[in-house]
C-alpha atoms as a PDB file:
ATOM      1  CA  MET A   1     102.939  95.930 -61.126  1.00  0.00           C
ATOM      2  CA  PRO A   2     103.246  93.984 -57.832  1.00  0.00           C
ATOM      3  CA  VAL A   3     100.782  91.108 -57.434  1.00  0.00           C
ATOM      4  CA  LEU A   4     100.240  89.656 -53.956  1.00  0.00           C
ATOM      5  CA  ASN A   5      98.194  86.759 -52.666  1.00  0.00           C
ATOM      6  CA  VAL A   6      95.112  87.374 -50.555  1.00  0.00           C
ATOM      7  CA  TYR A   7      94.576  84.993 -47.631  1.00  0.00           C
ATOM      8  CA  ASP A   8      91.861  84.206 -45.139  1.00  0.00           C
ATOM      9  CA  ILE A   9      92.719  83.885 -41.447  1.00  0.00           C
ATOM     10  CA  GLU A  10      93.288  80.127 -41.908  1.00  0.00           C
ATOM     11  CA  LYS A  11      96.236  81.017 -44.200  1.00  0.00           C
ATOM     12  CA  THR A  12      94.436  79.719 -47.284  1.00  0.00           C
ATOM     13  CA  LYS A  13      94.960  81.626 -50.517  1.00  0.00           C
ATOM     14  CA  VAL A  14      91.611  82.955 -51.728  1.00  0.00           C
ATOM     15  CA  ALA A  15      92.597  85.457 -54.426  1.00  0.00           C
ATOM     16  CA  GLU A  16      95.274  87.733 -55.849  1.00  0.00           C
ATOM     17  CA  VAL A  17      95.402  91.506 -55.876  1.00  0.00           C
ATOM     18  CA  GLU A  18      97.321  93.911 -58.107  1.00  0.00           C
ATOM     19  CA  LEU A  19      98.952  96.769 -56.239  1.00  0.00           C
ATOM     20  CA  ASN A  20      99.582 100.207 -57.665  1.00  0.00           C
ATOM     21  CA  GLU A  21     103.114 100.386 -59.052  1.00  0.00           C
ATOM     22  CA  SER A  22     103.708 104.003 -58.023  1.00  0.00           C
ATOM     23  CA  ILE A  23     102.847 103.242 -54.373  1.00  0.00           C
ATOM     24  CA  PHE A  24     103.913  99.645 -53.711  1.00  0.00           C
ATOM     25  CA  GLY A  25     106.602  99.373 -56.392  1.00  0.00           C
ATOM     26  CA  ALA A  26     108.388 102.702 -56.090  1.00  0.00           C
ATOM     27  CA  GLU A  27     112.117 103.167 -55.710  1.00  0.00           C
ATOM     28  CA  VAL A  28     113.179 103.111 -52.067  1.00  0.00           C
ATOM     29  CA  ASN A  29     114.745 106.405 -51.006  1.00  0.00           C
ATOM     30  CA  GLU A  30     116.505 105.863 -47.683  1.00  0.00           C
ATOM     31  CA  HIS A  31     117.328 109.529 -47.187  1.00  0.00           C
ATOM     32  CA  ILE A  32     113.727 110.724 -47.171  1.00  0.00           C
ATOM     33  CA  LEU A  33     112.820 107.790 -44.910  1.00  0.00           C
ATOM     34  CA  TYR A  34     115.414 109.106 -42.466  1.00  0.00           C
ATOM     35  CA  GLU A  35     114.161 112.688 -42.747  1.00  0.00           C
ATOM     36  CA  VAL A  36     110.520 111.785 -42.096  1.00  0.00           C
ATOM     37  CA  VAL A  37     111.284 109.416 -39.194  1.00  0.00           C
ATOM     38  CA  ARG A  38     113.476 112.122 -37.649  1.00  0.00           C
ATOM     39  CA  MET A  39     110.591 114.568 -37.969  1.00  0.00           C
ATOM     40  CA  GLN A  40     108.117 112.128 -36.398  1.00  0.00           C
ATOM     41  CA  LEU A  41     110.389 111.439 -33.434  1.00  0.00           C
ATOM     42  CA  ALA A  42     111.041 115.161 -32.946  1.00  0.00           C
ATOM     43  CA  CYS A  43     107.292 115.863 -32.901  1.00  0.00           C
ATOM     44  CA  ARG A  44     106.835 113.215 -30.206  1.00  0.00           C
ATOM     45  CA  ARG A  45     109.336 114.839 -27.835  1.00  0.00           C
ATOM     46  CA  GLN A  46     107.629 116.438 -24.859  1.00  0.00           C
ATOM     47  CA  GLY A  47     110.137 119.235 -24.471  1.00  0.00           C
ATOM     48  CA  THR A  48     109.158 119.734 -20.840  1.00  0.00           C
ATOM     49  CA  ALA A  49     112.659 119.449 -19.269  1.00  0.00           C
ATOM     50  CA  SER A  50     113.292 122.482 -17.125  1.00  0.00           C
ATOM     51  CA  THR A  51     116.013 123.717 -14.774  1.00  0.00           C
ATOM     52  CA  LYS A  52     116.305 126.782 -12.554  1.00  0.00           C
ATOM     53  CA  THR A  53     118.815 129.527 -13.178  1.00  0.00           C
ATOM     54  CA  ARG A  54     120.285 131.535 -10.288  1.00  0.00           C
ATOM     55  CA  SER A  55     117.392 134.013 -10.546  1.00  0.00           C
ATOM     56  CA  ASP A  56     114.807 131.215 -10.214  1.00  0.00           C
ATOM     57  CA  VAL A  57     116.235 129.520  -7.091  1.00  0.00           C
ATOM     58  CA  ARG A  58     114.550 130.632  -3.897  1.00  0.00           C
ATOM     59  CA  GLY A  59     116.647 132.496  -1.334  1.00  0.00           C
ATOM     60  CA  GLY A  60     120.160 133.849  -1.661  1.00  0.00           C
ATOM     61  CA  GLY A  61     119.146 137.472  -1.353  1.00  0.00           C
ATOM     62  CA  ARG A  62     121.540 138.283   1.471  1.00  0.00           C
ATOM     63  CA  LYS A  63     125.254 138.606   0.815  1.00  0.00           C
ATOM     64  CA  PRO A  64     126.859 135.590   2.568  1.00  0.00           C
ATOM     65  CA  TRP A  65     129.762 137.600   4.029  1.00  0.00           C
ATOM     66  CA  ARG A  66     131.350 141.003   3.642  1.00  0.00           C
ATOM     67  CA  GLN A  67     133.243 141.792   0.471  1.00  0.00           C
ATOM     68  CA  LYS A  68     136.711 142.149   1.955  1.00  0.00           C
ATOM     69  CA  GLY A  69     138.735 141.052   4.912  1.00  0.00           C
ATOM     70  CA  THR A  70     137.622 137.451   5.382  1.00  0.00           C
ATOM     71  CA  GLY A  71     140.233 135.806   3.160  1.00  0.00           C
ATOM     72  CA  ARG A  72     137.539 134.073   1.204  1.00  0.00           C
ATOM     73  CA  ALA A  73     136.479 134.607  -2.393  1.00  0.00           C
ATOM     74  CA  ARG A  74     133.992 137.356  -3.107  1.00  0.00           C
ATOM     75  CA  ALA A  75     130.380 136.163  -3.024  1.00  0.00           C
ATOM     76  CA  GLY A  76     127.178 138.071  -3.601  1.00  0.00           C
ATOM     77  CA  THR A  77     124.662 135.233  -3.238  1.00  0.00           C
ATOM     78  CA  SER A  78     124.517 131.669  -1.998  1.00  0.00           C
ATOM     79  CA  ARG A  79     122.562 130.719  -5.123  1.00  0.00           C
ATOM     80  CA  SER A  80     125.549 131.138  -7.429  1.00  0.00           C
ATOM     81  CA  PRO A  81     125.977 128.253  -9.920  1.00  0.00           C
ATOM     82  CA  LEU A  82     129.349 127.601  -8.256  1.00  0.00           C
ATOM     83  CA  TRP A  83     127.645 126.658  -4.995  1.00  0.00           C
ATOM     84  CA  ARG A  84     125.757 123.572  -3.982  1.00  0.00           C
ATOM     85  CA  GLY A  85     122.062 124.415  -4.120  1.00  0.00           C
ATOM     86  CA  GLY A  86     122.696 127.198  -6.593  1.00  0.00           C
ATOM     87  CA  GLY A  87     121.213 127.731 -10.033  1.00  0.00           C
ATOM     88  CA  THR A  88     122.096 125.903 -13.236  1.00  0.00           C
ATOM     89  CA  VAL A  89     124.074 127.433 -16.088  1.00  0.00           C
ATOM     90  CA  PHE A  90     122.710 126.844 -19.592  1.00  0.00           C
ATOM     91  CA  GLY A  91     120.313 124.132 -18.387  1.00  0.00           C
ATOM     92  CA  PRO A  92     117.336 122.944 -20.459  1.00  0.00           C
ATOM     93  CA  HIS A  93     114.114 124.922 -20.574  1.00  0.00           C
ATOM     94  CA  PRO A  94     110.698 123.982 -22.013  1.00  0.00           C
ATOM     95  CA  ARG A  95     110.749 124.122 -25.803  1.00  0.00           C
ATOM     96  CA  ASP A  96     108.938 122.778 -28.851  1.00  0.00           C
ATOM     97  CA  TYR A  97     111.053 120.332 -30.863  1.00  0.00           C
ATOM     98  CA  SER A  98     108.460 119.747 -33.588  1.00  0.00           C
ATOM     99  CA  TYR A  99     108.967 120.778 -37.187  1.00  0.00           C
ATOM    100  CA  LYS A 100     107.516 119.797 -40.552  1.00  0.00           C
ATOM    101  CA  VAL A 101     108.855 118.491 -43.821  1.00  0.00           C
ATOM    102  CA  PRO A 102     106.948 119.197 -47.051  1.00  0.00           C
ATOM    103  CA  LYS A 103     103.830 117.136 -47.720  1.00  0.00           C
ATOM    104  CA  LYS A 104     105.371 115.927 -50.984  1.00  0.00           C
ATOM    105  CA  VAL A 105     108.343 114.498 -49.061  1.00  0.00           C
ATOM    106  CA  ARG A 106     106.087 112.805 -46.491  1.00  0.00           C
ATOM    107  CA  ARG A 107     104.115 111.111 -49.275  1.00  0.00           C
ATOM    108  CA  ALA A 108     107.265 109.994 -51.045  1.00  0.00           C
ATOM    109  CA  ALA A 109     108.609 108.524 -47.793  1.00  0.00           C
ATOM    110  CA  LEU A 110     105.357 106.634 -47.205  1.00  0.00           C
ATOM    111  CA  LYS A 111     105.530 105.182 -50.722  1.00  0.00           C
ATOM    112  CA  SER A 112     109.161 104.206 -50.146  1.00  0.00           C
ATOM    113  CA  ALA A 113     108.308 102.446 -46.881  1.00  0.00           C
ATOM    114  CA  LEU A 114     105.395 100.530 -48.435  1.00  0.00           C
ATOM    115  CA  SER A 115     107.494  99.562 -51.454  1.00  0.00           C
ATOM    116  CA  MET A 116     110.315  98.367 -49.214  1.00  0.00           C
ATOM    117  CA  LYS A 117     107.935  96.076 -47.321  1.00  0.00           C
ATOM    118  CA  VAL A 118     106.700  94.581 -50.605  1.00  0.00           C
ATOM    119  CA  LYS A 119     110.259  94.045 -51.890  1.00  0.00           C
ATOM    120  CA  GLU A 120     111.225  92.350 -48.629  1.00  0.00           C
ATOM    121  CA  ASP A 121     108.147  90.090 -48.897  1.00  0.00           C
ATOM    122  CA  LYS A 122     106.885  91.388 -45.569  1.00  0.00           C
ATOM    123  CA  VAL A 123     103.335  92.281 -46.664  1.00  0.00           C
ATOM    124  CA  ILE A 124     100.371  89.992 -45.953  1.00  0.00           C
ATOM    125  CA  ILE A 125      96.909  90.797 -47.279  1.00  0.00           C
ATOM    126  CA  LEU A 126      93.871  89.318 -45.527  1.00  0.00           C
ATOM    127  CA  ARG A 127      90.436  89.102 -47.123  1.00  0.00           C
ATOM    128  CA  ASP A 128      88.922  89.881 -43.716  1.00  0.00           C
ATOM    129  CA  PHE A 129      89.362  89.076 -40.032  1.00  0.00           C
ATOM    130  CA  PRO A 130      86.019  87.793 -38.723  1.00  0.00           C
ATOM    131  CA  MET A 131      85.660  87.781 -34.938  1.00  0.00           C
ATOM    132  CA  ASP A 132      82.365  87.767 -33.041  1.00  0.00           C
ATOM    133  CA  GLU A 133      83.796  88.547 -29.610  1.00  0.00           C
ATOM    134  CA  ILE A 134      86.862  90.073 -28.025  1.00  0.00           C
ATOM    135  CA  LYS A 135      89.292  87.175 -27.725  1.00  0.00           C
ATOM    136  CA  THR A 136      93.030  87.761 -27.405  1.00  0.00           C
ATOM    137  CA  LYS A 137      93.811  84.037 -27.587  1.00  0.00           C
ATOM    138  CA  ARG A 138      92.100  83.655 -30.946  1.00  0.00           C
ATOM    139  CA  PHE A 139      93.854  86.711 -32.336  1.00  0.00           C
ATOM    140  CA  GLN A 140      97.196  85.326 -31.156  1.00  0.00           C
ATOM    141  CA  GLU A 141      96.468  82.039 -32.948  1.00  0.00           C
ATOM    142  CA  VAL A 142      96.210  83.895 -36.261  1.00  0.00           C
ATOM    143  CA  VAL A 143      99.458  85.771 -35.542  1.00  0.00           C
ATOM    144  CA  ASP A 144     101.209  82.443 -34.826  1.00  0.00           C
ATOM    145  CA  ARG A 145      99.694  80.792 -37.908  1.00  0.00           C
ATOM    146  CA  PHE A 146     101.277  83.392 -40.174  1.00  0.00           C
ATOM    147  CA  GLU A 147     104.522  83.226 -38.168  1.00  0.00           C
ATOM    148  CA  LEU A 148     104.556  86.957 -37.578  1.00  0.00           C
ATOM    149  CA  GLY A 149     107.230  88.507 -35.393  1.00  0.00           C
ATOM    150  CA  THR A 150     106.264  92.084 -34.765  1.00  0.00           C
ATOM    151  CA  ALA A 151     103.372  93.127 -36.987  1.00  0.00           C
ATOM    152  CA  LEU A 152     101.461  96.255 -37.937  1.00  0.00           C
ATOM    153  CA  PHE A 153      97.802  95.558 -38.781  1.00  0.00           C
ATOM    154  CA  VAL A 154      96.045  98.143 -40.950  1.00  0.00           C
ATOM    155  CA  LEU A 155      92.239  98.260 -40.955  1.00  0.00           C
ATOM    156  CA  ASP A 156      89.972 100.047 -43.406  1.00  0.00           C
ATOM    157  CA  GLU A 157      87.542 101.169 -40.686  1.00  0.00           C
ATOM    158  CA  LYS A 158      87.004 101.122 -36.941  1.00  0.00           C
ATOM    159  CA  ASN A 159      86.763  97.588 -35.556  1.00  0.00           C
ATOM    160  CA  THR A 160      86.471  97.596 -31.772  1.00  0.00           C
ATOM    161  CA  ILE A 161      86.591  93.791 -31.463  1.00  0.00           C
ATOM    162  CA  LEU A 162      89.867  93.475 -33.352  1.00  0.00           C
ATOM    163  CA  GLU A 163      91.420  96.503 -31.693  1.00  0.00           C
ATOM    164  CA  LYS A 164      90.629  95.263 -28.172  1.00  0.00           C
ATOM    165  CA  SER A 165      91.590  91.669 -28.993  1.00  0.00           C
ATOM    166  CA  SER A 166      95.078  92.798 -29.979  1.00  0.00           C
ATOM    167  CA  GLN A 167      95.795  95.480 -27.393  1.00  0.00           C
ATOM    168  CA  ASN A 168      97.435  93.073 -24.899  1.00  0.00           C
ATOM    169  CA  ILE A 169      99.799  91.617 -27.512  1.00  0.00           C
ATOM    170  CA  LYS A 170     102.974  93.706 -27.298  1.00  0.00           C
ATOM    171  CA  SER A 171     104.350  92.578 -30.671  1.00  0.00           C
ATOM    172  CA  VAL A 172     101.257  93.807 -32.550  1.00  0.00           C
ATOM    173  CA  LYS A 173      99.934  97.273 -33.302  1.00  0.00           C
ATOM    174  CA  MET A 174      96.522  97.942 -34.837  1.00  0.00           C
ATOM    175  CA  MET A 175      95.730 101.122 -36.757  1.00  0.00           C
ATOM    176  CA  ARG A 176      93.358 102.404 -39.417  1.00  0.00           C
ATOM    177  CA  SER A 177      94.517 103.208 -42.933  1.00  0.00           C
ATOM    178  CA  GLU A 178      94.335 106.970 -42.395  1.00  0.00           C
ATOM    179  CA  GLY A 179      96.889 106.692 -39.559  1.00  0.00           C
ATOM    180  CA  ILE A 180      99.537 104.760 -41.458  1.00  0.00           C
ATOM    181  CA  ASN A 181     102.969 106.376 -41.105  1.00  0.00           C
ATOM    182  CA  VAL A 182     106.617 105.791 -41.957  1.00  0.00           C
ATOM    183  CA  TYR A 183     107.884 105.255 -38.391  1.00  0.00           C
ATOM    184  CA  ASP A 184     105.475 102.404 -37.634  1.00  0.00           C
ATOM    185  CA  LEU A 185     106.017 100.804 -41.049  1.00  0.00           C
ATOM    186  CA  LEU A 186     109.746 100.620 -40.356  1.00  0.00           C
ATOM    187  CA  LYS A 187     109.403  99.676 -36.687  1.00  0.00           C
ATOM    188  CA  TYR A 188     107.387  96.497 -37.267  1.00  0.00           C
ATOM    189  CA  ASP A 189     108.729  93.514 -39.219  1.00  0.00           C
ATOM    190  CA  SER A 190     105.523  92.600 -41.023  1.00  0.00           C
ATOM    191  CA  LEU A 191     102.697  94.647 -42.515  1.00  0.00           C
ATOM    192  CA  VAL A 192      99.256  93.033 -42.481  1.00  0.00           C
ATOM    193  CA  LEU A 193      96.632  94.767 -44.610  1.00  0.00           C
ATOM    194  CA  LEU A 194      92.942  94.001 -44.686  1.00  0.00           C
ATOM    195  CA  GLU A 195      92.038  93.936 -48.383  1.00  0.00           C
ATOM    196  CA  PRO A 196      89.695  96.976 -48.306  1.00  0.00           C
ATOM    197  CA  SER A 197      92.447  99.065 -46.692  1.00  0.00           C
ATOM    198  CA  VAL A 198      94.652  98.608 -49.784  1.00  0.00           C
ATOM    199  CA  LYS A 199      92.287 100.674 -51.926  1.00  0.00           C
ATOM    200  CA  LYS A 200      91.988 103.305 -49.182  1.00  0.00           C
ATOM    201  CA  ILE A 201      95.764 103.687 -48.984  1.00  0.00           C
ATOM    202  CA  GLU A 202      96.079 103.903 -52.760  1.00  0.00           C
ATOM    203  CA  GLY A 203      93.246 106.418 -52.953  1.00  0.00           C
ATOM    204  CA  ALA A 204      94.836 108.637 -50.314  1.00  0.00           C
ATOM    205  CA  LEU A 205      98.321 108.588 -51.859  1.00  0.00           C
ATOM    206  CA  LEU A 206      97.104 109.112 -55.421  1.00  0.00           C
ATOM    207  CA  SER A 207      94.814 112.043 -54.648  1.00  0.00           C
END
């Protein structure tokens, strides 16, 4: 069973916490990580690209010249795809790229991602993050103290002060435990968990 240190924001060890083996010590399955990230990225695609076919382009109703006798190729409309200003052949049209993988697979991928972070020693657990006012500079000091590169902070509940203090730091993303996902876990180097969020994550993935 993985055991990690719990720190305060001064980087002083204050306790230890045992993590659930089936969630933070599971075997890493790279294939399902790929499948779930692919699904997440597909669901984020807007799918709004659109082009006009020859029937959608305005004009071109009159035959440009008579069928025979001019020496030129036959033409029935100036909006032919062969002409400049004509329609597009097989161009993109609005579509929905989203699809779903089974819930069981999504859960397994989340466990794999969390376990991978633990095995890579990229998980930091904080007892709490006390801040009385919105202060980006103070938040950045904590990030520098722990020598974090890019970091994903996971909260157990809404914390407006922390969320607004971090929103101007491009290397940091703040989210609540219910929003944790595979793509963000893999995108950011470090995972910073507030201690109460650990139990929330375990409770959600064990239910």
